[in-house]
Amino acid sequence: MVPIRNGRGAARSKNRKLRDSKLTRSMKRIRADMVKINEGQERIRAGQKEAREKFEEISKETAKLKEETNIISKQSAANQVRLDLMLQIVKARSENDAPKDAALTQILRALINGEAEPELKQAPRGEARTRLIT
């Protein structure tokens, strides 16, 4: 028969098993924590991607609105030039100034038909400026 050793070897083996099981539990806990952290990081990445897409969409919409605003502003200025011309035509007719009336009417017709474009610089009130397209 082989004698049973209950000495230091058995105690070491038991301590090693305890230490290994603690280490295993600790590793499992750390792995579970890593899974949770990875899930959190994925949610953060998804949120950042969504925010970036919304920002790009807002930027595109802003550019589009600026362009529309510029178009409306140019149309308004062109309308103001036409109104100024019409006012000058009415004044010329009230003063019986036929040559001025004819010239202004011709300019207005050219503007309306697209043969001339208004100069959208600040003109003195009551004076419209136009430039014939060549």
N, C-alpha and C. Protein backbone atom coordinates (compact mmCIF):
# COMPACT_ATOMS: atom_id res chain seq x y z
N MET A 1 0.80 -1.18 0.00
CA MET A 1 0.00 0.00 0.00
C MET A 1 0.84 1.25 0.00
N VAL A 2 0.31 2.22 -0.66
CA VAL A 2 1.03 3.49 -0.77
C VAL A 2 0.49 4.38 0.33
N PRO A 3 1.38 4.95 1.05
CA PRO A 3 0.90 5.84 2.10
C PRO A 3 0.29 7.12 1.51
N ILE A 4 -0.77 7.63 2.12
CA ILE A 4 -1.46 8.86 1.72
C ILE A 4 -0.71 10.03 2.30
N ARG A 5 -0.49 10.98 1.46
CA ARG A 5 0.25 12.17 1.91
C ARG A 5 -0.72 13.30 2.14
N ASN A 6 -0.91 13.66 3.34
CA ASN A 6 -1.78 14.79 3.68
C ASN A 6 -0.95 15.99 4.08
N GLY A 7 0.20 16.03 3.67
CA GLY A 7 1.10 17.10 4.09
C GLY A 7 0.98 18.32 3.20
N ARG A 8 2.10 18.87 2.96
CA ARG A 8 2.17 20.12 2.23
C ARG A 8 1.72 19.99 0.78
N GLY A 9 1.91 18.89 0.14
CA GLY A 9 1.54 18.70 -1.25
C GLY A 9 0.05 18.81 -1.46
N ALA A 10 -0.74 18.22 -0.56
CA ALA A 10 -2.20 18.29 -0.68
C ALA A 10 -2.68 19.71 -0.45
N ALA A 11 -2.09 20.40 0.47
CA ALA A 11 -2.48 21.78 0.77
C ALA A 11 -2.16 22.68 -0.43
N ARG A 12 -1.01 22.44 -1.04
CA ARG A 12 -0.65 23.23 -2.22
C ARG A 12 -1.63 22.99 -3.36
N SER A 13 -1.99 21.74 -3.55
CA SER A 13 -2.92 21.41 -4.61
C SER A 13 -4.27 22.07 -4.37
N LYS A 14 -4.73 22.04 -3.13
CA LYS A 14 -6.01 22.66 -2.78
C LYS A 14 -5.94 24.18 -2.98
N ASN A 15 -4.85 24.78 -2.54
CA ASN A 15 -4.67 26.23 -2.71
C ASN A 15 -4.61 26.60 -4.19
N ARG A 16 -3.94 25.77 -4.97
CA ARG A 16 -3.84 26.03 -6.39
C ARG A 16 -5.22 25.96 -7.04
N LYS A 17 -6.02 24.98 -6.65
CA LYS A 17 -7.37 24.85 -7.21
C LYS A 17 -8.22 26.05 -6.83
N LEU A 18 -8.11 26.51 -5.58
CA LEU A 18 -8.85 27.71 -5.15
C LEU A 18 -8.41 28.93 -5.96
N ARG A 19 -7.11 29.06 -6.09
CA ARG A 19 -6.56 30.19 -6.83
C ARG A 19 -6.99 30.13 -8.29
N ASP A 20 -6.95 28.96 -8.89
CA ASP A 20 -7.37 28.79 -10.28
C ASP A 20 -8.85 29.09 -10.45
N SER A 21 -9.68 28.64 -9.51
CA SER A 21 -11.12 28.91 -9.64
C SER A 21 -11.40 30.40 -9.46
N LYS A 22 -10.69 31.06 -8.55
CA LYS A 22 -10.85 32.51 -8.39
C LYS A 22 -10.42 33.23 -9.66
N LEU A 23 -9.32 32.78 -10.22
CA LEU A 23 -8.81 33.37 -11.45
C LEU A 23 -9.80 33.17 -12.60
N THR A 24 -10.38 31.97 -12.67
CA THR A 24 -11.36 31.67 -13.71
C THR A 24 -12.59 32.56 -13.55
N ARG A 25 -13.08 32.70 -12.31
CA ARG A 25 -14.24 33.58 -12.07
C ARG A 25 -13.91 35.02 -12.42
N SER A 26 -12.73 35.44 -12.05
CA SER A 26 -12.30 36.81 -12.35
C SER A 26 -12.22 37.03 -13.87
N MET A 27 -11.69 36.07 -14.59
CA MET A 27 -11.59 36.17 -16.05
C MET A 27 -12.98 36.21 -16.68
N LYS A 28 -13.90 35.38 -16.17
CA LYS A 28 -15.27 35.39 -16.69
C LYS A 28 -15.93 36.74 -16.45
N ARG A 29 -15.72 37.29 -15.25
CA ARG A 29 -16.30 38.60 -14.93
C ARG A 29 -15.71 39.68 -15.84
N ILE A 30 -14.41 39.62 -16.06
CA ILE A 30 -13.75 40.60 -16.93
C ILE A 30 -14.26 40.47 -18.36
N ARG A 31 -14.43 39.22 -18.83
CA ARG A 31 -14.95 39.02 -20.18
C ARG A 31 -16.37 39.57 -20.31
N ALA A 32 -17.20 39.33 -19.28
CA ALA A 32 -18.57 39.86 -19.30
C ALA A 32 -18.54 41.39 -19.32
N ASP A 33 -17.64 41.98 -18.54
CA ASP A 33 -17.50 43.43 -18.54
C ASP A 33 -17.05 43.94 -19.91
N MET A 34 -16.14 43.20 -20.54
CA MET A 34 -15.66 43.60 -21.86
C MET A 34 -16.79 43.55 -22.88
N VAL A 35 -17.67 42.55 -22.77
CA VAL A 35 -18.81 42.45 -23.68
C VAL A 35 -19.71 43.67 -23.49
N LYS A 36 -19.97 44.03 -22.22
CA LYS A 36 -20.82 45.20 -21.95
C LYS A 36 -20.16 46.47 -22.49
N ILE A 37 -18.87 46.60 -22.30
CA ILE A 37 -18.15 47.78 -22.79
C ILE A 37 -18.22 47.85 -24.32
N ASN A 38 -18.03 46.71 -24.98
CA ASN A 38 -18.10 46.68 -26.45
C ASN A 38 -19.49 47.07 -26.93
N GLU A 39 -20.53 46.59 -26.24
CA GLU A 39 -21.90 46.97 -26.61
C GLU A 39 -22.10 48.47 -26.46
N GLY A 40 -21.58 49.02 -25.35
CA GLY A 40 -21.68 50.46 -25.14
C GLY A 40 -20.95 51.24 -26.21
N GLN A 41 -19.77 50.77 -26.60
CA GLN A 41 -19.01 51.44 -27.66
C GLN A 41 -19.76 51.38 -28.99
N GLU A 42 -20.39 50.26 -29.27
CA GLU A 42 -21.17 50.14 -30.51
C GLU A 42 -22.33 51.13 -30.52
N ARG A 43 -23.00 51.27 -29.37
CA ARG A 43 -24.10 52.24 -29.28
C ARG A 43 -23.57 53.66 -29.49
N ILE A 44 -22.41 53.94 -28.92
CA ILE A 44 -21.81 55.28 -29.08
C ILE A 44 -21.48 55.52 -30.55
N ARG A 45 -20.87 54.53 -31.20
CA ARG A 45 -20.53 54.68 -32.63
C ARG A 45 -21.78 54.91 -33.47
N ALA A 46 -22.83 54.14 -33.16
CA ALA A 46 -24.08 54.29 -33.92
C ALA A 46 -24.65 55.69 -33.71
N GLY A 47 -24.61 56.17 -32.47
CA GLY A 47 -25.11 57.52 -32.18
C GLY A 47 -24.29 58.59 -32.89
N GLN A 48 -22.98 58.41 -32.92
CA GLN A 48 -22.12 59.37 -33.62
C GLN A 48 -22.40 59.37 -35.11
N LYS A 49 -22.59 58.18 -35.67
CA LYS A 49 -22.89 58.08 -37.10
C LYS A 49 -24.21 58.78 -37.41
N GLU A 50 -25.20 58.54 -36.57
CA GLU A 50 -26.51 59.17 -36.78
C GLU A 50 -26.41 60.69 -36.67
N ALA A 51 -25.66 61.17 -35.68
CA ALA A 51 -25.49 62.62 -35.51
C ALA A 51 -24.76 63.21 -36.71
N ARG A 52 -23.74 62.51 -37.21
CA ARG A 52 -22.99 62.98 -38.37
C ARG A 52 -23.90 63.06 -39.61
N GLU A 53 -24.74 62.04 -39.80
CA GLU A 53 -25.66 62.04 -40.94
C GLU A 53 -26.66 63.19 -40.84
N LYS A 54 -27.18 63.42 -39.63
CA LYS A 54 -28.13 64.53 -39.44
C LYS A 54 -27.45 65.86 -39.72
N PHE A 55 -26.21 66.00 -39.25
CA PHE A 55 -25.47 67.25 -39.47
C PHE A 55 -25.25 67.49 -40.96
N GLU A 56 -24.88 66.43 -41.69
CA GLU A 56 -24.68 66.57 -43.14
C GLU A 56 -25.99 66.94 -43.83
N GLU A 57 -27.09 66.34 -43.38
CA GLU A 57 -28.40 66.65 -43.97
C GLU A 57 -28.76 68.11 -43.71
N ILE A 58 -28.50 68.57 -42.49
CA ILE A 58 -28.80 69.96 -42.14
C ILE A 58 -27.92 70.90 -42.96
N SER A 59 -26.66 70.54 -43.16
CA SER A 59 -25.75 71.37 -43.96
C SER A 59 -26.24 71.49 -45.40
N LYS A 60 -26.68 70.36 -45.97
CA LYS A 60 -27.21 70.40 -47.34
C LYS A 60 -28.46 71.26 -47.41
N GLU A 61 -29.34 71.12 -46.42
CA GLU A 61 -30.57 71.91 -46.41
C GLU A 61 -30.25 73.39 -46.27
N THR A 62 -29.25 73.72 -45.44
CA THR A 62 -28.84 75.11 -45.27
C THR A 62 -28.33 75.70 -46.58
N ALA A 63 -27.50 74.94 -47.29
CA ALA A 63 -26.98 75.41 -48.57
C ALA A 63 -28.12 75.63 -49.57
N LYS A 64 -29.07 74.70 -49.57
CA LYS A 64 -30.21 74.82 -50.48
C LYS A 64 -31.04 76.07 -50.14
N LEU A 65 -31.28 76.30 -48.86
CA LEU A 65 -32.06 77.48 -48.45
C LEU A 65 -31.32 78.78 -48.79
N LYS A 66 -30.00 78.79 -48.63
CA LYS A 66 -29.23 79.98 -48.99
C LYS A 66 -29.36 80.27 -50.48
N GLU A 67 -29.28 79.22 -51.29
CA GLU A 67 -29.41 79.39 -52.74
C GLU A 67 -30.80 79.93 -53.09
N GLU A 68 -31.83 79.36 -52.47
CA GLU A 68 -33.20 79.83 -52.73
C GLU A 68 -33.35 81.29 -52.29
N THR A 69 -32.75 81.64 -51.17
CA THR A 69 -32.82 83.01 -50.68
C THR A 69 -32.14 83.96 -51.67
N ASN A 70 -31.00 83.56 -52.21
CA ASN A 70 -30.31 84.39 -53.21
C ASN A 70 -31.16 84.58 -54.45
N ILE A 71 -31.79 83.50 -54.89
CA ILE A 71 -32.65 83.60 -56.08
C ILE A 71 -33.80 84.56 -55.83
N ILE A 72 -34.45 84.42 -54.68
CA ILE A 72 -35.58 85.30 -54.34
C ILE A 72 -35.11 86.75 -54.25
N SER A 73 -33.94 86.96 -53.67
CA SER A 73 -33.40 88.31 -53.55
C SER A 73 -33.14 88.92 -54.93
N LYS A 74 -32.57 88.13 -55.83
CA LYS A 74 -32.32 88.63 -57.19
C LYS A 74 -33.63 88.93 -57.92
N GLN A 75 -34.62 88.07 -57.74
CA GLN A 75 -35.91 88.30 -58.37
C GLN A 75 -36.55 89.58 -57.83
N SER A 76 -36.43 89.78 -56.53
CA SER A 76 -37.00 90.97 -55.91
C SER A 76 -36.31 92.23 -56.45
N ALA A 77 -35.00 92.17 -56.58
CA ALA A 77 -34.26 93.33 -57.10
C ALA A 77 -34.66 93.60 -58.55
N ALA A 78 -34.81 92.54 -59.34
CA ALA A 78 -35.22 92.72 -60.74
C ALA A 78 -36.62 93.32 -60.81
N ASN A 79 -37.51 92.87 -59.94
CA ASN A 79 -38.86 93.44 -59.90
C ASN A 79 -38.82 94.92 -59.53
N GLN A 80 -37.92 95.26 -58.60
CA GLN A 80 -37.80 96.66 -58.20
C GLN A 80 -37.34 97.52 -59.37
N VAL A 81 -36.41 97.00 -60.17
CA VAL A 81 -35.94 97.74 -61.34
C VAL A 81 -37.09 97.96 -62.31
N ARG A 82 -37.89 96.92 -62.54
CA ARG A 82 -39.05 97.06 -63.45
C ARG A 82 -40.04 98.09 -62.92
N LEU A 83 -40.29 98.05 -61.61
CA LEU A 83 -41.22 99.02 -61.02
C LEU A 83 -40.68 100.44 -61.16
N ASP A 84 -39.37 100.59 -60.95
CA ASP A 84 -38.77 101.92 -61.12
C ASP A 84 -38.92 102.41 -62.57
N LEU A 85 -38.70 101.51 -63.52
CA LEU A 85 -38.88 101.88 -64.93
C LEU A 85 -40.33 102.30 -65.20
N MET A 86 -41.26 101.53 -64.67
CA MET A 86 -42.68 101.86 -64.88
C MET A 86 -43.01 103.22 -64.29
N LEU A 87 -42.45 103.52 -63.13
CA LEU A 87 -42.69 104.82 -62.51
C LEU A 87 -42.11 105.93 -63.39
N GLN A 88 -40.92 105.72 -63.92
CA GLN A 88 -40.32 106.72 -64.81
C GLN A 88 -41.15 106.91 -66.08
N ILE A 89 -41.70 105.81 -66.59
CA ILE A 89 -42.56 105.90 -67.79
C ILE A 89 -43.80 106.73 -67.48
N VAL A 90 -44.41 106.48 -66.32
CA VAL A 90 -45.60 107.25 -65.93
C VAL A 90 -45.25 108.73 -65.79
N LYS A 91 -44.11 109.03 -65.18
CA LYS A 91 -43.69 110.43 -65.03
C LYS A 91 -43.45 111.07 -66.40
N ALA A 92 -42.77 110.34 -67.29
CA ALA A 92 -42.50 110.88 -68.63
C ALA A 92 -43.80 111.15 -69.37
N ARG A 93 -44.77 110.27 -69.22
CA ARG A 93 -46.06 110.48 -69.89
C ARG A 93 -46.81 111.65 -69.29
N SER A 94 -46.71 111.81 -67.96
CA SER A 94 -47.41 112.94 -67.34
C SER A 94 -46.76 114.26 -67.73
N GLU A 95 -45.47 114.23 -68.05
CA GLU A 95 -44.76 115.43 -68.49
C GLU A 95 -44.79 115.58 -70.01
N ASN A 96 -45.50 114.68 -70.70
CA ASN A 96 -45.59 114.68 -72.17
C ASN A 96 -44.21 114.63 -72.82
N ASP A 97 -43.32 113.85 -72.24
CA ASP A 97 -41.96 113.67 -72.78
C ASP A 97 -41.94 112.36 -73.57
N ALA A 98 -42.38 112.45 -74.83
CA ALA A 98 -42.53 111.26 -75.67
C ALA A 98 -41.21 110.52 -75.93
N PRO A 99 -40.11 111.22 -76.21
CA PRO A 99 -38.86 110.48 -76.46
C PRO A 99 -38.39 109.68 -75.24
N LYS A 100 -38.50 110.28 -74.06
CA LYS A 100 -38.10 109.57 -72.84
C LYS A 100 -39.04 108.40 -72.59
N ASP A 101 -40.34 108.64 -72.82
CA ASP A 101 -41.35 107.59 -72.65
C ASP A 101 -41.04 106.41 -73.57
N ALA A 102 -40.72 106.70 -74.83
CA ALA A 102 -40.44 105.64 -75.80
C ALA A 102 -39.18 104.87 -75.42
N ALA A 103 -38.15 105.59 -75.00
CA ALA A 103 -36.89 104.93 -74.63
C ALA A 103 -37.08 104.03 -73.41
N LEU A 104 -37.78 104.55 -72.40
CA LEU A 104 -38.00 103.75 -71.19
C LEU A 104 -38.90 102.54 -71.47
N THR A 105 -39.90 102.75 -72.33
CA THR A 105 -40.78 101.64 -72.69
C THR A 105 -40.00 100.56 -73.42
N GLN A 106 -39.10 100.97 -74.30
CA GLN A 106 -38.27 100.01 -75.04
C GLN A 106 -37.37 99.23 -74.06
N ILE A 107 -36.80 99.92 -73.10
CA ILE A 107 -35.95 99.25 -72.11
C ILE A 107 -36.77 98.26 -71.29
N LEU A 108 -37.97 98.67 -70.90
CA LEU A 108 -38.84 97.77 -70.13
C LEU A 108 -39.20 96.53 -70.94
N ARG A 109 -39.52 96.73 -72.21
CA ARG A 109 -39.83 95.57 -73.08
C ARG A 109 -38.64 94.63 -73.18
N ALA A 110 -37.45 95.21 -73.34
CA ALA A 110 -36.24 94.38 -73.44
C ALA A 110 -36.02 93.59 -72.14
N LEU A 111 -36.28 94.23 -71.03
CA LEU A 111 -36.14 93.54 -69.74
C LEU A 111 -37.13 92.38 -69.64
N ILE A 112 -38.36 92.64 -69.98
CA ILE A 112 -39.41 91.63 -69.86
C ILE A 112 -39.15 90.47 -70.82
N ASN A 113 -38.66 90.77 -72.02
CA ASN A 113 -38.40 89.72 -73.01
C ASN A 113 -37.06 89.01 -72.79
N GLY A 114 -36.29 89.47 -71.82
CA GLY A 114 -35.02 88.83 -71.52
C GLY A 114 -33.88 89.29 -72.40
N GLU A 115 -34.08 90.35 -73.16
CA GLU A 115 -33.03 90.87 -74.04
C GLU A 115 -32.09 91.80 -73.29
N ALA A 116 -32.48 92.21 -72.12
CA ALA A 116 -31.64 93.06 -71.27
C ALA A 116 -31.74 92.51 -69.86
N GLU A 117 -30.73 92.80 -69.08
CA GLU A 117 -30.81 92.38 -67.68
C GLU A 117 -30.59 93.61 -66.81
N PRO A 118 -31.30 93.67 -65.71
CA PRO A 118 -31.17 94.84 -64.86
C PRO A 118 -29.82 94.84 -64.16
N GLU A 119 -29.28 96.02 -63.99
CA GLU A 119 -28.08 96.15 -63.17
C GLU A 119 -28.58 96.31 -61.75
N LEU A 120 -28.22 95.37 -60.92
CA LEU A 120 -28.80 95.32 -59.59
C LEU A 120 -27.99 96.11 -58.57
N LYS A 121 -27.21 97.06 -59.07
CA LYS A 121 -26.48 97.94 -58.17
C LYS A 121 -27.46 99.00 -57.67
N GLN A 122 -27.09 99.65 -56.60
CA GLN A 122 -27.95 100.70 -56.06
C GLN A 122 -28.00 101.87 -57.04
N ALA A 123 -29.16 102.12 -57.55
CA ALA A 123 -29.36 103.28 -58.42
C ALA A 123 -30.09 104.33 -57.59
N PRO A 124 -29.88 105.60 -57.92
CA PRO A 124 -30.64 106.63 -57.20
C PRO A 124 -32.13 106.36 -57.36
N ARG A 125 -32.88 106.67 -56.35
CA ARG A 125 -34.32 106.37 -56.32
C ARG A 125 -34.99 106.99 -57.54
N GLY A 126 -35.82 106.18 -58.19
CA GLY A 126 -36.55 106.66 -59.34
C GLY A 126 -35.81 106.47 -60.65
N GLU A 127 -34.57 105.96 -60.59
CA GLU A 127 -33.81 105.73 -61.81
C GLU A 127 -33.47 104.25 -61.89
N ALA A 128 -33.93 103.63 -62.93
CA ALA A 128 -33.62 102.22 -63.13
C ALA A 128 -32.43 102.11 -64.07
N ARG A 129 -31.58 101.15 -63.83
CA ARG A 129 -30.44 100.92 -64.71
C ARG A 129 -30.64 99.57 -65.39
N THR A 130 -30.34 99.55 -66.66
CA THR A 130 -30.42 98.29 -67.40
C THR A 130 -29.22 98.18 -68.29
N ARG A 131 -28.94 96.96 -68.70
CA ARG A 131 -27.83 96.71 -69.60
C ARG A 131 -28.33 95.74 -70.65
N LEU A 132 -28.14 96.09 -71.91
CA LEU A 132 -28.57 95.21 -72.98
C LEU A 132 -27.62 94.03 -73.08
N ILE A 133 -28.19 92.86 -73.31
CA ILE A 133 -27.38 91.65 -73.46
C ILE A 133 -26.88 91.61 -74.89
N THR A 134 -25.57 91.45 -75.06
CA THR A 134 -25.00 91.41 -76.41
C THR A 134 -24.47 90.04 -76.73
